[in-house]
Protein backbone atom coordinates (compact mmCIF):
# COMPACT_ATOMS: atom_id res chain seq x y z
CA MET A 1 110.67 113.97 91.95
CA GLU A 2 109.33 113.49 88.42
CA ALA A 3 112.77 112.48 87.22
CA LEU A 4 113.12 110.02 90.08
CA ILE A 5 109.73 108.45 89.46
CA ALA A 6 110.36 108.20 85.72
CA SER A 7 113.67 106.46 86.37
CA TYR A 8 112.04 103.46 87.99
CA ALA A 9 112.15 100.35 85.84
CA ASP A 10 110.07 97.22 86.34
CA ASP A 11 110.37 93.99 88.23
CA SER A 12 108.21 91.14 89.39
CA SER A 13 108.14 88.30 91.81
CA ASP A 14 108.07 86.11 88.74
CA SER A 15 111.75 85.89 87.64
CA ASP A 16 112.19 88.60 84.98
CA SER A 17 108.71 89.84 84.11
CA ASP A 18 107.89 93.53 84.21
CA SER A 19 104.96 93.91 86.58
CA ASN A 20 106.62 95.93 89.31
CA PRO A 21 108.91 98.93 88.68
CA THR A 22 112.52 99.09 89.92
CA PRO A 23 115.41 101.34 88.95
CA PRO A 24 116.84 100.84 85.46
CA GLN A 25 120.11 99.10 84.82
CA PRO A 26 122.18 100.24 81.85
CA PRO A 27 122.11 97.42 79.28
CA SER A 28 125.36 95.85 78.24
CA ALA A 29 126.50 96.66 74.72
CA SER A 30 126.56 92.95 73.98
CA THR A 31 123.12 92.26 75.47
CA SER A 32 120.05 92.15 73.29
CA LEU A 33 116.58 92.17 74.87
CA THR A 34 114.58 89.08 74.03
CA PRO A 35 110.77 89.36 73.82
CA LEU A 36 108.99 86.74 75.89
CA PRO A 37 105.55 85.23 75.20
CA PRO A 38 102.87 85.75 77.86
CA PRO A 39 102.78 83.02 80.51
CA PRO A 40 99.80 80.63 80.49
CA ILE A 41 97.21 82.31 82.65
CA SER A 42 96.44 79.02 84.39
CA LEU A 43 99.92 79.12 85.94
CA LEU A 44 99.14 82.47 87.54
CA GLN A 45 96.09 81.27 89.49
CA PRO A 46 96.43 82.83 92.96
CA PRO A 47 96.25 80.15 95.69
CA ASN A 48 93.72 82.16 97.70
CA SER A 49 91.46 83.07 94.78
CA PHE A 50 88.05 81.54 94.12
CA VAL A 51 88.00 82.86 90.56
CA PRO A 52 89.27 80.59 87.76
CA LEU A 53 91.56 82.90 85.80
CA ASP A 54 91.28 80.70 82.72
CA SER A 55 87.68 81.89 82.43
CA LEU A 56 88.75 85.54 82.21
CA PRO A 57 90.01 87.38 79.12
CA SER A 58 93.75 87.96 79.17
CA SER A 59 95.98 90.13 77.03
CA GLN A 60 98.76 88.83 74.83
CA VAL A 61 101.56 90.76 76.49
CA ASN A 62 105.07 90.77 75.06
CA ARG A 63 107.50 90.71 77.95
CA VAL A 64 111.13 91.74 77.88
CA ARG A 65 113.77 90.08 80.01
CA SER A 66 115.53 92.37 82.47
CA PHE A 67 118.64 90.27 81.77
CA PRO A 68 119.42 87.71 79.05
CA HIS A 69 118.81 84.04 79.76
CA ILE A 70 122.03 82.09 80.24
CA GLU A 71 122.10 78.35 80.89
CA GLY A 72 122.85 77.73 84.56
CA ASN A 73 121.50 81.11 85.72
CA TYR A 74 118.45 81.42 87.97
CA ALA A 75 116.46 84.59 88.63
CA LEU A 76 116.78 85.69 92.27
CA HIS A 77 114.12 87.82 93.93
CA VAL A 78 113.90 88.67 97.67
CA TYR A 79 110.66 90.19 98.89
CA ILE A 80 108.05 90.71 101.59
CA PRO A 81 104.70 89.13 100.69
CA VAL A 82 101.72 91.46 101.14
CA TYR A 83 97.99 90.75 101.18
CA ILE A 84 95.45 93.55 101.06
CA PRO A 85 92.93 93.17 103.91
CA SER A 86 89.45 92.17 102.74
CA ALA A 87 87.92 95.15 104.54
CA THR A 88 89.98 97.50 102.35
CA ARG A 89 89.44 95.84 98.98
CA LYS A 90 85.94 97.16 98.34
CA GLY A 91 87.03 100.80 98.56
CA LEU A 92 90.11 100.20 96.44
CA ALA A 93 88.06 98.29 93.85
CA SER A 94 85.61 101.19 93.64
CA PHE A 95 88.47 103.59 92.96
CA LEU A 96 90.02 101.29 90.34
CA LYS A 97 86.64 101.07 88.65
CA LYS A 98 86.53 104.86 88.31
CA VAL A 99 90.09 104.95 86.97
CA THR A 100 89.38 102.20 84.44
CA ALA A 101 86.29 104.02 83.15
CA ILE A 102 88.63 106.85 82.12
CA VAL A 103 91.68 104.73 81.19
CA PRO A 104 90.23 101.49 79.73
CA THR A 105 93.68 100.05 78.87
CA LEU A 106 94.58 99.20 82.47
CA HIS A 107 95.59 95.64 83.42
CA ALA A 108 96.05 93.77 86.69
CA VAL A 109 99.72 93.30 87.54
CA ASP A 110 101.09 89.75 87.06
CA VAL A 111 97.87 88.14 85.80
CA ASP A 112 97.55 90.68 82.93
CA VAL A 113 93.75 90.60 82.98
CA PRO A 114 92.21 93.80 81.48
CA LEU A 115 90.27 95.70 84.13
CA SER A 116 87.76 96.86 81.51
CA GLY A 117 86.35 93.33 81.33
CA LEU A 118 85.64 93.36 85.07
CA LEU A 119 83.78 96.65 85.37
CA LYS A 120 80.31 95.08 85.37
CA ASP A 121 81.14 92.93 88.39
CA GLU A 122 82.85 94.89 91.16
CA ALA A 123 83.09 91.79 93.36
CA LEU A 124 84.99 89.98 90.60
CA LEU A 125 87.19 93.05 90.09
CA GLU A 126 87.95 93.01 93.79
CA LYS A 127 88.89 89.31 93.83
CA VAL A 128 90.95 89.19 90.63
CA VAL A 129 92.88 92.43 91.07
CA LEU A 130 93.17 92.76 94.86
CA GLY A 131 92.61 89.30 96.37
CA ARG A 132 96.06 87.83 95.82
CA GLU A 133 99.67 88.12 96.94
CA PHE A 134 101.63 91.29 96.22
CA HIS A 135 105.23 91.96 97.14
CA ILE A 136 107.63 94.61 98.38
CA SER A 137 110.99 94.00 96.73
CA LEU A 138 114.01 94.01 99.03
CA GLY A 139 116.55 93.58 96.24
CA ARG A 140 116.85 93.68 92.49
CA THR A 141 115.78 90.67 90.45
CA VAL A 142 119.18 89.40 89.30
CA PRO A 143 120.72 86.29 87.70
CA LEU A 144 122.25 83.83 90.16
CA ARG A 145 124.59 80.96 89.33
CA MET A 146 123.75 77.50 90.67
CA HIS A 147 126.86 77.31 92.85
CA GLN A 148 125.83 80.56 94.57
CA ILE A 149 122.34 79.45 95.62
CA ASN A 150 123.14 77.75 98.93
CA SER A 151 125.48 80.54 99.97
CA VAL A 152 122.97 83.31 99.17
CA VAL A 153 120.08 81.59 100.95
CA SER A 154 122.24 80.77 103.99
CA MET A 155 123.54 84.34 104.30
CA LEU A 156 120.08 85.87 103.84
CA ARG A 157 118.75 83.69 106.65
CA GLN A 158 121.70 84.58 108.85
CA ARG A 159 121.28 88.34 108.32
CA LEU A 160 117.48 88.41 108.46
CA GLN A 161 116.47 85.65 110.89
CA PHE A 162 115.97 87.90 113.93
CA GLN A 163 113.16 90.10 112.62
CA ARG A 164 110.43 91.48 114.85
CA ARG A 165 106.81 91.73 113.85
CA TYR A 166 105.85 95.23 112.68
CA LEU A 167 103.07 96.95 110.76
CA ILE A 168 103.44 98.29 107.23
CA ASP A 169 101.32 101.33 106.38
CA PHE A 170 100.52 101.98 102.73
CA ASN A 171 99.93 105.72 102.79
CA LYS A 172 99.68 106.89 99.21
CA TRP A 173 99.02 106.05 95.60
CA GLU A 174 102.02 106.74 93.37
CA ILE A 175 102.71 106.49 89.66
CA PHE A 176 105.89 104.91 88.31
CA VAL A 177 107.11 104.62 84.72
CA ASN A 178 109.66 102.07 83.58
CA ASP A 179 113.01 103.10 82.11
CA ASP A 180 112.10 102.92 78.43
CA LEU A 181 108.71 104.62 79.03
CA THR A 182 106.77 101.62 77.70
CA ARG A 183 104.74 100.95 80.85
CA THR A 184 103.08 102.98 83.57
CA PHE A 185 102.29 101.49 86.98
CA MET A 186 99.83 102.56 89.66
CA SER A 187 101.25 101.54 93.02
CA LEU A 188 100.65 101.88 96.75
CA GLU A 189 103.71 103.26 98.51
CA VAL A 190 105.03 102.95 102.07
CA VAL A 191 106.09 106.40 103.27
CA GLU A 192 105.77 106.19 107.05
CA GLY A 193 104.94 103.15 109.17
CA GLY A 194 107.30 100.27 108.41
CA LEU A 195 109.56 102.30 106.14
CA ALA A 196 112.56 102.29 108.51
CA GLN A 197 112.33 98.52 109.05
CA ILE A 198 112.04 97.78 105.33
CA ARG A 199 115.04 99.96 104.54
CA LYS A 200 117.11 98.08 107.13
CA GLN A 201 116.08 94.81 105.49
CA ILE A 202 117.04 96.18 102.08
CA GLN A 203 120.44 97.11 103.52
CA ALA A 204 120.91 93.56 104.82
CA VAL A 205 120.00 92.09 101.43
CA ASP A 206 122.41 94.52 99.76
CA GLU A 207 125.22 93.24 101.97
CA VAL A 208 124.57 89.67 100.85
CA TYR A 209 124.33 90.74 97.21
CA LYS A 210 127.61 92.63 97.47
CA LEU A 211 129.41 89.55 98.84
CA HIS A 212 128.25 87.63 95.77
CA ASN A 213 129.09 90.38 93.27
CA LEU A 214 125.41 91.04 92.57
CA PRO A 215 124.07 94.54 91.84
CA GLU A 216 122.74 96.31 94.92
CA PHE A 217 119.37 98.00 95.27
CA TYR A 218 118.92 101.66 94.44
CA LYS A 219 120.16 104.33 96.87
CA ASP A 220 116.81 105.90 97.75
CA PRO A 221 114.44 102.92 98.10
CA ARG A 222 110.72 103.62 97.83
CA PRO A 223 108.97 100.45 99.03
CA HIS A 224 105.66 99.83 97.27
CA ILE A 225 103.36 97.26 95.76
CA SER A 226 102.23 97.71 92.16
CA ILE A 227 98.54 97.06 91.52
CA ILE A 228 97.81 97.87 87.87
CA TRP A 229 99.68 98.80 84.70
CA ALA A 230 99.08 100.28 81.26
CA LEU A 231 101.14 100.42 78.09
CA GLY A 232 103.01 103.62 77.34
CA ASP A 233 103.76 106.66 79.44
CA ILE A 234 100.39 107.86 80.75
CA ARG A 235 101.64 109.19 84.07
CA ASP A 236 99.97 112.59 83.64
CA THR A 237 96.51 111.09 83.23
CA LEU A 238 96.88 108.69 86.14
CA LYS A 239 98.60 111.25 88.34
CA ARG A 240 95.60 113.61 88.13
CA MET A 241 93.31 110.82 89.30
CA VAL A 242 95.70 109.81 92.07
CA GLU A 243 96.00 113.38 93.33
CA GLU A 244 92.21 113.65 93.47
CA GLU A 245 91.94 110.37 95.37
CA MET A 246 94.72 111.28 97.82
CA LYS A 247 92.81 114.36 98.97
CA LYS A 248 90.66 111.93 100.96
CA TYR A 249 93.69 110.87 102.95
CA LYS A 250 94.89 114.30 104.06
CA VAL A 251 94.34 115.11 107.73
CA GLY A 252 93.22 118.73 107.84
CA SER A 253 96.06 121.08 106.99
CA SER A 254 98.67 118.60 108.18
CA SER A 255 101.00 117.05 105.64
CA ARG A 256 100.66 113.72 107.44
CA GLN A 257 98.53 111.27 105.49
CA LYS A 258 96.06 108.79 106.84
CA CYS A 259 96.80 105.18 106.03
CA ILE A 260 95.03 103.58 103.06
CA PHE A 261 95.59 100.16 104.60
CA THR A 262 97.94 98.41 107.01
CA SER A 263 99.55 95.02 106.49
CA LYS A 264 101.42 92.91 109.05
CA PHE A 265 104.99 91.99 108.27
CA THR A 266 104.76 88.20 108.12
CA GLY A 267 108.23 87.35 106.86
CA ILE A 268 110.60 87.40 103.91
CA LEU A 269 110.67 85.05 100.94
CA CYS A 270 113.38 84.39 98.40
CA LYS A 271 112.44 83.03 95.00
CA ILE A 272 115.20 81.44 92.93
CA GLY A 273 113.99 80.24 89.58
CA ASN A 274 110.75 78.42 90.36
CA LYS A 275 111.73 77.43 93.89
CA MET A 276 110.67 79.37 96.99
CA HIS A 277 112.93 79.67 100.03
CA GLU A 278 111.64 80.87 103.39
CA ILE A 279 114.11 83.38 104.87
CA CYS A 280 112.11 84.28 107.97
CA LYS A 281 108.46 83.90 108.87
CA PHE A 282 106.02 84.69 111.66
CA GLN A 283 103.13 82.38 112.42
CA GLU A 284 99.72 83.95 111.85
CA GLU A 285 98.07 84.99 115.11
């Protein structure tokens, strides 16, 4: 299990950033990794947030492309959007506050705001870190040529249009480390409710990828959303805290875990470059 967890690399809903871990891909001998400057924090303002991110301290994070930029290529990412219910955020924020007191180098995924600067205001911590969109990846973030875009979107819609509403249970905290051991992620994993449906959706996305000669997802998918990250390999420190927290979610002597929170499956989105494509969507009830 340790080897599997350590093998996860990183991925994000934002083209080729490294906020959410996915399995590593062996780099080409002719490919050099290009450091990227941090994105302007104003561009990362969550649409449902009441907190101006420009007013918060952000870290200057050097990002590394998961694949080299080539003119005419667009980053493709297929995912399920996830929002953490407001009733759950307070408890999660309290836990993150305890973790940050011990590991002060933690940052919010995507927005790269240090959690240490939010400790004095738990409500702000809750909004900035937890009150925004997360995602469950259904495929690798890969480069797509312009002439492939219409075909990929059309086939994804064809394969995934008849989806039924279901519930996604996030049952456990898990720690992932990217391939080169430069980042550690604390994530919430789906291990029971919704897992079978998500894996079927991953299989459908894989079929479309395969038809376009794109790399498929990993063989043993572990659907999750990443919440926070830290530089370096600090899995041992975070794992001890996670194990302590997960004791609260054990039901007696049973191995079955209570759910940390449940999210409704509301649809699937496909981001190509900066453009969003709706693959399937349910109207909010």
